[in-house]
Amino acid sequence: MNLKIADFFVGAFSGALVAGVVSYISPPFMPMLLGGLIGMLLVIPLKIAFMPLFGAFEVMIPLGIIGMTVGMGAGMLSFTDVASNIIIASGSLTGLIVATIIHFSNKRYTAQ
């Protein structure tokens, strides 16, 4: 598949979605652990939905990392007085950064 530009949008979208859901749920007890668990559970349907469209490698690895890190970060940020739109923007930026790192590291390892 030659949809490499879509990988960045998938990363940003999934990061924003995970951050929004975790900040909305806002676990009061152990927010970092529960936020990470919620993020990892939330990306499972996204992986199943996006894999046929964008490829397994381009979806499984970034979404696994995004779900855990954004969920943990959003859980900790929702515990403080940070606005939810800032949490969602930080989740989207984190998702974009993770997708970019995975894309360029894959390009480096597969270069002949």
Protein backbone atom coordinates (compact mmCIF):
# COMPACT_ATOMS: atom_id res chain seq x y z
CA MET A 1 0.00 0.00 0.00
CA ASN A 2 1.20 3.45 -0.84
CA LEU A 3 -0.74 5.42 1.74
CA LYS A 4 2.24 6.58 3.78
CA ILE A 5 0.78 10.03 4.43
CA ALA A 6 -2.27 8.42 6.06
CA ASP A 7 -0.03 6.86 8.73
CA PHE A 8 0.56 10.28 10.25
CA PHE A 9 -3.16 11.07 10.29
CA VAL A 10 -3.94 7.71 11.90
CA GLY A 11 -1.37 8.43 14.60
CA ALA A 12 -2.69 11.93 15.28
CA PHE A 13 -6.32 10.81 15.23
CA SER A 14 -5.77 7.86 17.55
CA GLY A 15 -3.72 9.98 19.95
CA ALA A 16 -6.44 12.61 20.10
CA LEU A 17 -9.13 9.97 20.54
CA VAL A 18 -7.32 8.20 23.38
CA ALA A 19 -6.53 11.49 25.12
CA GLY A 20 -10.12 12.67 24.79
CA VAL A 21 -11.62 9.47 26.15
CA VAL A 22 -9.18 9.23 29.04
CA SER A 23 -9.64 12.89 29.97
CA TYR A 24 -13.41 12.46 29.78
CA ILE A 25 -13.40 9.35 31.97
CA SER A 26 -10.77 10.90 34.26
CA PRO A 27 -10.00 8.03 36.62
CA PRO A 28 -9.72 9.40 40.18
CA PHE A 29 -7.73 6.46 41.53
CA MET A 30 -4.29 5.68 40.05
CA PRO A 31 -4.80 7.85 36.96
CA MET A 32 -1.56 6.89 35.23
CA LEU A 33 -2.15 3.15 35.45
CA LEU A 34 -5.84 3.28 34.61
CA GLY A 35 -5.28 5.80 31.84
CA GLY A 36 -2.69 3.49 30.26
CA LEU A 37 -5.05 0.53 30.52
CA ILE A 38 -7.94 2.50 29.03
CA GLY A 39 -5.67 3.66 26.20
CA MET A 40 -4.49 0.15 25.43
CA LEU A 41 -8.05 -1.20 25.45
CA LEU A 42 -9.27 1.65 23.28
CA VAL A 43 -6.76 1.09 20.49
CA ILE A 44 -7.67 -2.59 20.03
CA PRO A 45 -10.79 -1.79 17.94
CA LEU A 46 -8.78 0.88 16.10
CA LYS A 47 -6.14 -1.69 15.21
CA ILE A 48 -8.77 -4.09 13.90
CA ALA A 49 -10.46 -1.34 11.88
CA PHE A 50 -7.31 0.23 10.41
CA MET A 51 -5.20 -2.87 9.68
CA PRO A 52 -6.97 -3.89 6.46
CA LEU A 53 -6.81 -0.33 5.17
CA PHE A 54 -3.28 0.76 6.04
CA GLY A 55 -1.28 -2.41 6.71
CA ALA A 56 -0.37 -4.31 9.85
CA PHE A 57 3.05 -2.80 10.54
CA GLU A 58 1.89 0.76 10.00
CA VAL A 59 -0.96 0.29 12.48
CA MET A 60 -0.06 -2.29 15.13
CA ILE A 61 3.24 -0.87 16.36
CA PRO A 62 2.37 2.85 16.45
CA LEU A 63 -1.08 2.33 17.95
CA GLY A 64 0.28 0.08 20.67
CA ILE A 65 2.79 2.72 21.69
CA ILE A 66 0.29 5.57 21.30
CA GLY A 67 -2.38 3.85 23.35
CA MET A 68 -0.11 3.28 26.31
CA THR A 69 1.83 6.56 26.36
CA VAL A 70 -1.05 8.89 25.54
CA GLY A 71 -3.34 7.09 27.96
CA MET A 72 -0.83 7.43 30.78
CA GLY A 73 -0.10 11.06 29.98
CA ALA A 74 -3.75 12.01 29.59
CA GLY A 75 -4.57 10.25 32.84
CA MET A 76 -1.97 12.25 34.69
CA LEU A 77 -2.94 15.52 33.00
CA SER A 78 -6.63 15.01 33.75
CA PHE A 79 -5.71 14.66 37.42
CA THR A 80 -4.52 18.29 37.37
CA ASP A 81 -6.31 21.47 36.28
CA VAL A 82 -5.39 21.25 32.60
CA ALA A 83 -8.20 21.93 30.12
CA SER A 84 -9.44 18.96 28.11
CA ASN A 85 -8.67 20.61 24.74
CA ILE A 86 -5.02 20.94 25.81
CA ILE A 87 -5.00 17.25 26.77
CA ILE A 88 -6.48 16.28 23.40
CA ALA A 89 -3.97 18.46 21.53
CA SER A 90 -1.08 16.93 23.46
CA GLY A 91 -2.41 13.45 22.69
CA SER A 92 -2.65 14.29 19.01
CA LEU A 93 0.87 15.70 18.97
CA THR A 94 2.21 12.63 20.77
CA GLY A 95 0.47 10.36 18.28
CA LEU A 96 1.94 12.31 15.39
CA ILE A 97 5.44 12.15 16.88
CA VAL A 98 5.21 8.40 17.50
CA ALA A 99 3.94 7.77 13.96
CA THR A 100 6.78 9.89 12.55
CA ILE A 101 9.44 8.07 14.56
CA ILE A 102 8.08 4.66 13.51
CA HIS A 103 7.87 5.74 9.87
CA PHE A 104 11.45 6.99 9.64
CA SER A 105 12.91 4.12 11.63
CA ASN A 106 11.13 1.67 9.33
CA LYS A 107 12.46 3.55 6.31
CA ARG A 108 15.99 3.36 7.72
CA TYR A 109 15.78 -0.38 8.44
CA THR A 110 14.25 -1.31 5.09
CA ALA A 111 16.60 0.79 2.93
CA GLN A 112 18.67 -1.38 0.62
